[in-house]
C-alpha atoms as a PDB file:
ATOM      1  CA  MET A   1       4.540 -10.052 -21.108  1.00  0.00           C
ATOM      2  CA  GLU A   2       0.766 -10.635 -20.394  1.00  0.00           C
ATOM      3  CA  ILE A   3      -1.271  -9.253 -17.594  1.00  0.00           C
ATOM      4  CA  GLY A   4      -1.105 -13.128 -16.333  1.00  0.00           C
ATOM      5  CA  GLU A   5       2.063 -13.548 -16.872  1.00  0.00           C
ATOM      6  CA  LEU A   6       2.934 -10.379 -14.894  1.00  0.00           C
ATOM      7  CA  GLN A   7       0.697 -11.434 -12.215  1.00  0.00           C
ATOM      8  CA  ASP A   8       1.970 -14.345 -11.325  1.00  0.00           C
ATOM      9  CA  THR A   9       5.996 -13.239 -11.336  1.00  0.00           C
ATOM     10  CA  THR A  10       4.949  -9.933  -9.395  1.00  0.00           C
ATOM     11  CA  LEU A  11       3.082 -12.515  -6.158  1.00  0.00           C
ATOM     12  CA  ASN A  12       6.166 -14.711  -6.689  1.00  0.00           C
ATOM     13  CA  LYS A  13       8.195 -11.720  -5.547  1.00  0.00           C
ATOM     14  CA  MET A  14       5.878 -10.551  -3.320  1.00  0.00           C
ATOM     15  CA  LYS A  15       6.249 -14.287  -1.871  1.00  0.00           C
ATOM     16  CA  LYS A  16      10.234 -14.317  -1.329  1.00  0.00           C
ATOM     17  CA  LEU A  17      10.195 -11.023   0.082  1.00  0.00           C
ATOM     18  CA  LEU A  18       7.761 -12.261   2.263  1.00  0.00           C
ATOM     19  CA  LEU A  19      10.157 -15.349   3.042  1.00  0.00           C
ATOM     20  CA  LEU A  20      13.005 -13.033   3.209  1.00  0.00           C
ATOM     21  CA  LEU A  21      10.753 -11.043   5.892  1.00  0.00           C
ATOM     22  CA  CYS A  22       9.606 -14.166   8.118  1.00  0.00           C
ATOM     23  CA  VAL A  23      12.195 -16.368   8.359  1.00  0.00           C
ATOM     24  CA  PRO A  24      14.368 -14.038  11.050  1.00  0.00           C
ATOM     25  CA  LEU A  25      10.989 -13.590  12.822  1.00  0.00           C
ATOM     26  CA  SER A  26      10.519 -17.205  13.717  1.00  0.00           C
ATOM     27  CA  MET A  27      14.104 -17.367  14.657  1.00  0.00           C
ATOM     28  CA  LEU A  28      13.722 -14.718  17.028  1.00  0.00           C
ATOM     29  CA  GLY A  29      10.759 -16.808  18.736  1.00  0.00           C
ATOM     30  CA  GLN A  30       6.765 -17.700  18.257  1.00  0.00           C
ATOM     31  CA  GLU A  31       6.025 -14.253  19.332  1.00  0.00           C
ATOM     32  CA  PHE A  32       7.259 -12.918  16.137  1.00  0.00           C
ATOM     33  CA  ALA A  33       6.486 -15.439  13.668  1.00  0.00           C
ATOM     34  CA  ILE A  34       2.769 -14.414  14.765  1.00  0.00           C
ATOM     35  CA  ALA A  35       3.188 -11.245  12.502  1.00  0.00           C
ATOM     36  CA  LYS A  36       3.836 -13.049   9.484  1.00  0.00           C
ATOM     37  CA  THR A  37       0.033 -12.173   8.057  1.00  0.00           C
ATOM     38  CA  THR A  38       0.462  -8.830   9.871  1.00  0.00           C
ATOM     39  CA  LEU A  39       3.661  -8.245   7.179  1.00  0.00           C
ATOM     40  CA  LEU A  40       1.676  -9.452   3.904  1.00  0.00           C
ATOM     41  CA  ILE A  41      -1.077  -7.635   4.531  1.00  0.00           C
ATOM     42  CA  LEU A  42       1.490  -4.131   5.081  1.00  0.00           C
ATOM     43  CA  LEU A  43       3.360  -6.042   2.135  1.00  0.00           C
ATOM     44  CA  VAL A  44       0.455  -4.823  -0.438  1.00  0.00           C
ATOM     45  CA  GLY A  45       0.075  -2.041   0.456  1.00  0.00           C
ATOM     46  CA  GLN A  46       3.583  -0.915  -0.071  1.00  0.00           C
ATOM     47  CA  VAL A  47       4.196  -2.911  -3.166  1.00  0.00           C
ATOM     48  CA  VAL A  48       0.889  -0.062  -4.505  1.00  0.00           C
ATOM     49  CA  ASN A  49       2.433   2.241  -2.894  1.00  0.00           C
ATOM     50  CA  VAL A  50       6.115   1.759  -4.482  1.00  0.00           C
ATOM     51  CA  MET A  51       4.001   0.861  -7.856  1.00  0.00           C
ATOM     52  CA  SER A  52       2.399   3.879  -7.784  1.00  0.00           C
ATOM     53  CA  GLY A  53       5.112   6.051  -8.526  1.00  0.00           C
ATOM     54  CA  SER A  54       6.140   9.845  -6.723  1.00  0.00           C
ATOM     55  CA  VAL A  55       2.578  10.891  -6.474  1.00  0.00           C
ATOM     56  CA  GLY A  56       2.700  13.211  -3.899  1.00  0.00           C
ATOM     57  CA  PHE A  57       6.307  15.072  -4.924  1.00  0.00           C
ATOM     58  CA  ILE A  58       4.321  15.601  -8.480  1.00  0.00           C
ATOM     59  CA  LEU A  59       1.243  17.520  -7.197  1.00  0.00           C
ATOM     60  CA  GLN A  60       2.906  19.779  -5.157  1.00  0.00           C
ATOM     61  CA  MET A  61       5.407  20.726  -7.537  1.00  0.00           C
ATOM     62  CA  THR A  62       2.550  20.975  -9.928  1.00  0.00           C
ATOM     63  CA  GLY A  63       0.632  23.393  -7.473  1.00  0.00           C
ATOM     64  CA  LYS A  64      -1.514  21.243  -6.202  1.00  0.00           C
ATOM     65  CA  GLU A  65      -0.828  20.601  -2.891  1.00  0.00           C
ATOM     66  CA  LYS A  66      -4.318  21.239  -1.464  1.00  0.00           C
ATOM     67  CA  ILE A  67      -5.641  18.528  -3.816  1.00  0.00           C
ATOM     68  CA  TYR A  68      -3.125  16.407  -2.314  1.00  0.00           C
ATOM     69  CA  GLN A  69      -3.609  17.697   1.335  1.00  0.00           C
ATOM     70  CA  ASN A  70      -7.121  16.588   0.872  1.00  0.00           C
ATOM     71  CA  ILE A  71      -6.471  13.169  -0.559  1.00  0.00           C
ATOM     72  CA  LEU A  72      -4.008  12.756   2.554  1.00  0.00           C
ATOM     73  CA  LEU A  73      -6.284  14.047   5.489  1.00  0.00           C
ATOM     74  CA  LEU A  74      -9.268  11.435   3.738  1.00  0.00           C
ATOM     75  CA  ALA A  75      -6.793   8.951   4.096  1.00  0.00           C
ATOM     76  CA  LEU A  76      -6.511   9.889   7.539  1.00  0.00           C
ATOM     77  CA  VAL A  77     -10.454   9.980   8.447  1.00  0.00           C
ATOM     78  CA  CYS A  78     -10.680   6.570   6.568  1.00  0.00           C
ATOM     79  CA  ASN A  79      -7.706   4.899   8.659  1.00  0.00           C
ATOM     80  CA  ILE A  80      -9.060   6.161  11.992  1.00  0.00           C
ATOM     81  CA  VAL A  81     -12.211   5.053  11.441  1.00  0.00           C
ATOM     82  CA  LEU A  82     -11.479   1.881   9.617  1.00  0.00           C
ATOM     83  CA  ASN A  83      -9.089   1.422  12.826  1.00  0.00           C
ATOM     84  CA  ILE A  84     -12.066   1.820  15.024  1.00  0.00           C
ATOM     85  CA  LEU A  85     -13.943  -0.682  13.256  1.00  0.00           C
ATOM     86  CA  LEU A  86     -11.296  -3.419  12.964  1.00  0.00           C
ATOM     87  CA  ILE A  87      -8.900  -3.491  15.768  1.00  0.00           C
ATOM     88  CA  PRO A  88     -11.587  -4.357  18.503  1.00  0.00           C
ATOM     89  CA  LYS A  89     -12.412  -7.431  15.991  1.00  0.00           C
ATOM     90  CA  PHE A  90      -9.061  -8.312  14.142  1.00  0.00           C
ATOM     91  CA  GLY A  91      -6.457  -6.817  16.317  1.00  0.00           C
ATOM     92  CA  ILE A  92      -3.416  -6.069  14.620  1.00  0.00           C
ATOM     93  CA  GLU A  93      -4.520  -7.777  11.540  1.00  0.00           C
ATOM     94  CA  GLY A  94      -7.253  -4.845  12.005  1.00  0.00           C
ATOM     95  CA  ALA A  95      -4.716  -2.466  11.986  1.00  0.00           C
ATOM     96  CA  ALA A  96      -2.611  -3.644   8.776  1.00  0.00           C
ATOM     97  CA  ILE A  97      -5.790  -3.638   7.698  1.00  0.00           C
ATOM     98  CA  ALA A  98      -6.552  -0.584   7.667  1.00  0.00           C
ATOM     99  CA  SER A  99      -3.411   1.016   7.324  1.00  0.00           C
ATOM    100  CA  THR A 100      -3.422  -1.046   3.743  1.00  0.00           C
ATOM    101  CA  PHE A 101      -6.380   0.381   3.042  1.00  0.00           C
ATOM    102  CA  SER A 102      -5.369   3.819   3.553  1.00  0.00           C
ATOM    103  CA  LEU A 103      -2.175   3.811   1.578  1.00  0.00           C
ATOM    104  CA  LEU A 104      -4.292   2.120  -1.090  1.00  0.00           C
ATOM    105  CA  PHE A 105      -6.305   5.047  -1.453  1.00  0.00           C
ATOM    106  CA  TRP A 106      -4.026   7.642  -1.124  1.00  0.00           C
ATOM    107  CA  ASN A 107      -2.078   6.251  -3.482  1.00  0.00           C
ATOM    108  CA  LEU A 108      -4.861   5.202  -6.534  1.00  0.00           C
ATOM    109  CA  SER A 109      -7.210   8.313  -5.921  1.00  0.00           C
ATOM    110  CA  SER A 110      -3.403  10.646  -6.072  1.00  0.00           C
ATOM    111  CA  VAL A 111      -2.878   8.541  -9.691  1.00  0.00           C
ATOM    112  CA  LEU A 112      -6.324   8.467 -10.726  1.00  0.00           C
ATOM    113  CA  TYR A 113      -6.084  13.050 -10.350  1.00  0.00           C
ATOM    114  CA  ILE A 114      -3.059  13.139 -11.608  1.00  0.00           C
ATOM    115  CA  TYR A 115      -3.724  10.810 -14.999  1.00  0.00           C
ATOM    116  CA  LYS A 116      -7.254  13.240 -15.041  1.00  0.00           C
ATOM    117  CA  ARG A 117      -5.693  15.944 -14.781  1.00  0.00           C
ATOM    118  CA  TYR A 118      -2.168  16.140 -16.922  1.00  0.00           C
ATOM    119  CA  LYS A 119      -2.659  12.578 -18.838  1.00  0.00           C
ATOM    120  CA  VAL A 120       0.578  11.160 -17.252  1.00  0.00           C
ATOM    121  CA  SER A 121       0.079   7.236 -15.472  1.00  0.00           C
ATOM    122  CA  THR A 122       2.690   7.553 -13.161  1.00  0.00           C
ATOM    123  CA  LEU A 123       2.367   3.600 -12.485  1.00  0.00           C
ATOM    124  CA  VAL A 124       5.508   1.515 -12.844  1.00  0.00           C
ATOM    125  CA  SER A 125       4.994  -0.459 -16.569  1.00  0.00           C
ATOM    126  CA  PHE A 126       6.763  -3.760 -16.612  1.00  0.00           C
ATOM    127  CA  LYS A 127       7.101  -3.265 -20.837  1.00  0.00           C
END
């Protein structure tokens, strides 16, 4: 499967998942349907989280708890700073962007560290 096909497949699956999440929200009323954009932003972060594998467990089981702790602390600081900057301007979507960015930083930093240290890719492969 080529990269373009893989991206199309992944995006189609994400759209279907979002639709499954948003239809029940709209049945609850307009107030809940507004959360559709927020859910989409958070969904992107969770897809990367899932595709990154069990990076936290790997770092902890290999004696790299301090490295993992430092990555999480940096992600926490990023989250707090981004929330302070984005929530006043974008509201709930700003909070979702901040959380997604922190989650991306946390997972991709861990994936990169594990790959550089152990030459093991924890990313999900669709081969």
